[in-house]
Amino acid sequence: MSIIIGLLSNSIGLWIAQYYVAGFVVVGGLKGYLIAGILLGLLNLIVRPLLKLVSLPLMILTLGLFNIIINIVLLWIVAKATGYLIIQSWEALILTTLILAAMNFISHLFSKGI
């Protein structure tokens, strides 16, 4: 159940980011949100732990702030792989990543209660 909540929170986070972040657009309507959210969730589930393991020295050096860089890379991969996400600037990419991180934090809190 928590995996489904995580995938849906990614889609909702993309919707919120499109609404608030200038330079970030999701094309394809509901289909675009769901496909991008599912792919982002799968990358977070499979690739993110490997990237965290490889970048462990940088994580220690930056006191965990390198997590933001990992999230930025994963969002950029989803944008390039699907074509449903259009990111027009670095600022839009960073702000969208922060919004998605906040959504994942909130969904993680709710999924622990279920």
C-alpha atoms as a PDB file:
ATOM      1  CA  MET A   1       0.000   0.000   0.000  1.00  0.00           C
ATOM      2  CA  SER A   2       2.822   2.443   0.781  1.00  0.00           C
ATOM      3  CA  ILE A   3       4.291   1.952  -2.703  1.00  0.00           C
ATOM      4  CA  ILE A   4       0.985   2.990  -4.293  1.00  0.00           C
ATOM      5  CA  ILE A   5       0.802   6.033  -2.019  1.00  0.00           C
ATOM      6  CA  GLY A   6       4.354   6.949  -3.022  1.00  0.00           C
ATOM      7  CA  LEU A   7       3.598   6.653  -6.731  1.00  0.00           C
ATOM      8  CA  LEU A   8       0.454   8.752  -6.402  1.00  0.00           C
ATOM      9  CA  SER A   9       2.261  11.363  -4.320  1.00  0.00           C
ATOM     10  CA  ASN A  10       4.818  11.752  -7.125  1.00  0.00           C
ATOM     11  CA  SER A  11       1.999  12.431  -9.586  1.00  0.00           C
ATOM     12  CA  ILE A  12       0.369  14.914  -7.219  1.00  0.00           C
ATOM     13  CA  GLY A  13       3.742  16.550  -6.599  1.00  0.00           C
ATOM     14  CA  LEU A  14       4.230  16.971 -10.347  1.00  0.00           C
ATOM     15  CA  TRP A  15       0.796  18.599 -10.577  1.00  0.00           C
ATOM     16  CA  ILE A  16       1.612  20.996  -7.721  1.00  0.00           C
ATOM     17  CA  ALA A  17       4.990  21.802  -9.276  1.00  0.00           C
ATOM     18  CA  GLN A  18       3.410  22.592 -12.629  1.00  0.00           C
ATOM     19  CA  TYR A  19       0.982  24.930 -10.913  1.00  0.00           C
ATOM     20  CA  TYR A  20       3.587  26.828  -8.857  1.00  0.00           C
ATOM     21  CA  VAL A  21       6.895  26.588 -10.766  1.00  0.00           C
ATOM     22  CA  ALA A  22       7.378  28.725 -13.848  1.00  0.00           C
ATOM     23  CA  GLY A  23       9.319  26.799 -16.481  1.00  0.00           C
ATOM     24  CA  PHE A  24       8.053  23.343 -15.514  1.00  0.00           C
ATOM     25  CA  VAL A  25       5.320  21.799 -17.667  1.00  0.00           C
ATOM     26  CA  VAL A  26       3.758  18.342 -17.778  1.00  0.00           C
ATOM     27  CA  VAL A  27       2.265  17.515 -21.166  1.00  0.00           C
ATOM     28  CA  GLY A  28      -0.179  14.734 -21.913  1.00  0.00           C
ATOM     29  CA  GLY A  29      -2.737  15.465 -19.205  1.00  0.00           C
ATOM     30  CA  LEU A  30      -3.491  12.781 -16.648  1.00  0.00           C
ATOM     31  CA  LYS A  31      -1.558  10.194 -18.656  1.00  0.00           C
ATOM     32  CA  GLY A  32       1.576  12.351 -18.491  1.00  0.00           C
ATOM     33  CA  TYR A  33       1.265  12.824 -14.731  1.00  0.00           C
ATOM     34  CA  LEU A  34       0.741   9.126 -14.075  1.00  0.00           C
ATOM     35  CA  ILE A  35       3.503   7.851 -16.352  1.00  0.00           C
ATOM     36  CA  ALA A  36       6.036  10.402 -15.101  1.00  0.00           C
ATOM     37  CA  GLY A  37       5.001   9.790 -11.485  1.00  0.00           C
ATOM     38  CA  ILE A  38       5.253   6.015 -11.830  1.00  0.00           C
ATOM     39  CA  LEU A  39       8.645   6.192 -13.545  1.00  0.00           C
ATOM     40  CA  LEU A  40       9.918   8.617 -10.916  1.00  0.00           C
ATOM     41  CA  GLY A  41       8.658   6.309  -8.184  1.00  0.00           C
ATOM     42  CA  LEU A  42      10.354   3.296  -9.758  1.00  0.00           C
ATOM     43  CA  LEU A  43      13.618   5.187 -10.092  1.00  0.00           C
ATOM     44  CA  ASN A  44      13.347   6.253  -6.458  1.00  0.00           C
ATOM     45  CA  LEU A  45      12.708   2.648  -5.476  1.00  0.00           C
ATOM     46  CA  ILE A  46      15.456   0.991  -7.562  1.00  0.00           C
ATOM     47  CA  VAL A  47      18.117   3.479  -8.676  1.00  0.00           C
ATOM     48  CA  ARG A  48      18.136   5.943  -5.774  1.00  0.00           C
ATOM     49  CA  PRO A  49      19.519   3.475  -3.188  1.00  0.00           C
ATOM     50  CA  LEU A  50      22.348   2.573  -5.576  1.00  0.00           C
ATOM     51  CA  LEU A  51      23.183   6.222  -6.181  1.00  0.00           C
ATOM     52  CA  LYS A  52      23.140   6.877  -2.444  1.00  0.00           C
ATOM     53  CA  LEU A  53      25.523   4.003  -1.866  1.00  0.00           C
ATOM     54  CA  VAL A  54      27.936   5.162  -4.560  1.00  0.00           C
ATOM     55  CA  SER A  55      27.834   8.762  -3.351  1.00  0.00           C
ATOM     56  CA  LEU A  56      28.152   7.938   0.345  1.00  0.00           C
ATOM     57  CA  PRO A  57      31.398   9.924   0.799  1.00  0.00           C
ATOM     58  CA  LEU A  58      29.740  13.010  -0.697  1.00  0.00           C
ATOM     59  CA  MET A  59      26.693  12.435   1.509  1.00  0.00           C
ATOM     60  CA  ILE A  60      28.892  12.445   4.580  1.00  0.00           C
ATOM     61  CA  LEU A  61      30.885  15.460   3.395  1.00  0.00           C
ATOM     62  CA  THR A  62      27.774  17.551   2.663  1.00  0.00           C
ATOM     63  CA  LEU A  63      25.825  16.275   5.672  1.00  0.00           C
ATOM     64  CA  GLY A  64      23.139  14.751   3.457  1.00  0.00           C
ATOM     65  CA  LEU A  65      22.569  17.708   1.135  1.00  0.00           C
ATOM     66  CA  PHE A  66      23.818  15.617  -1.781  1.00  0.00           C
ATOM     67  CA  ASN A  67      20.392  13.925  -1.637  1.00  0.00           C
ATOM     68  CA  ILE A  68      19.034  16.978  -3.439  1.00  0.00           C
ATOM     69  CA  ILE A  69      21.506  16.447  -6.285  1.00  0.00           C
ATOM     70  CA  ILE A  70      20.449  12.801  -6.559  1.00  0.00           C
ATOM     71  CA  ASN A  71      16.779  13.847  -6.720  1.00  0.00           C
ATOM     72  CA  ILE A  72      17.606  16.450  -9.379  1.00  0.00           C
ATOM     73  CA  VAL A  73      19.364  13.808 -11.492  1.00  0.00           C
ATOM     74  CA  LEU A  74      16.440  11.389 -11.168  1.00  0.00           C
ATOM     75  CA  LEU A  75      13.902  14.041 -12.172  1.00  0.00           C
ATOM     76  CA  TRP A  76      16.067  15.021 -15.141  1.00  0.00           C
ATOM     77  CA  ILE A  77      16.270  11.350 -16.213  1.00  0.00           C
ATOM     78  CA  VAL A  78      12.472  11.088 -16.083  1.00  0.00           C
ATOM     79  CA  ALA A  79      12.142  14.268 -18.141  1.00  0.00           C
ATOM     80  CA  LYS A  80      14.503  12.967 -20.821  1.00  0.00           C
ATOM     81  CA  ALA A  81      13.118   9.417 -20.824  1.00  0.00           C
ATOM     82  CA  THR A  82       9.401  10.158 -21.047  1.00  0.00           C
ATOM     83  CA  GLY A  83       9.037  13.405 -22.931  1.00  0.00           C
ATOM     84  CA  TYR A  84       6.054  14.264 -20.714  1.00  0.00           C
ATOM     85  CA  LEU A  85       8.062  16.694 -18.580  1.00  0.00           C
ATOM     86  CA  ILE A  86       9.389  19.948 -19.970  1.00  0.00           C
ATOM     87  CA  ILE A  87      11.950  21.661 -17.760  1.00  0.00           C
ATOM     88  CA  GLN A  88      13.013  25.032 -19.134  1.00  0.00           C
ATOM     89  CA  SER A  89      15.597  26.129 -16.564  1.00  0.00           C
ATOM     90  CA  TRP A  90      17.786  24.960 -13.704  1.00  0.00           C
ATOM     91  CA  GLU A  91      15.700  26.986 -11.287  1.00  0.00           C
ATOM     92  CA  ALA A  92      12.566  25.142 -12.373  1.00  0.00           C
ATOM     93  CA  LEU A  93      14.359  21.806 -11.972  1.00  0.00           C
ATOM     94  CA  ILE A  94      15.570  22.663  -8.459  1.00  0.00           C
ATOM     95  CA  LEU A  95      12.217  24.045  -7.284  1.00  0.00           C
ATOM     96  CA  THR A  96      10.345  21.057  -8.710  1.00  0.00           C
ATOM     97  CA  THR A  97      12.762  18.719  -6.956  1.00  0.00           C
ATOM     98  CA  LEU A  98      12.167  20.480  -3.643  1.00  0.00           C
ATOM     99  CA  ILE A  99       8.388  20.264  -4.096  1.00  0.00           C
ATOM    100  CA  LEU A 100       8.624  16.554  -4.901  1.00  0.00           C
ATOM    101  CA  ALA A 101      10.857  16.000  -1.872  1.00  0.00           C
ATOM    102  CA  ALA A 102       8.285  17.704   0.342  1.00  0.00           C
ATOM    103  CA  MET A 103       5.482  15.599  -1.157  1.00  0.00           C
ATOM    104  CA  ASN A 104       7.477  12.409  -0.646  1.00  0.00           C
ATOM    105  CA  PHE A 105       8.160  13.412   2.969  1.00  0.00           C
ATOM    106  CA  ILE A 106       4.455  14.032   3.613  1.00  0.00           C
ATOM    107  CA  SER A 107       3.382  10.816   1.904  1.00  0.00           C
ATOM    108  CA  HIS A 108       6.003   8.890   3.869  1.00  0.00           C
ATOM    109  CA  LEU A 109       4.511  10.227   7.103  1.00  0.00           C
ATOM    110  CA  PHE A 110       0.996   9.175   6.048  1.00  0.00           C
ATOM    111  CA  SER A 111       2.068   5.769   4.765  1.00  0.00           C
ATOM    112  CA  LYS A 112       3.674   4.947   8.120  1.00  0.00           C
ATOM    113  CA  GLY A 113       0.317   5.541   9.788  1.00  0.00           C
ATOM    114  CA  ILE A 114      -1.565   3.195   7.437  1.00  0.00           C
END
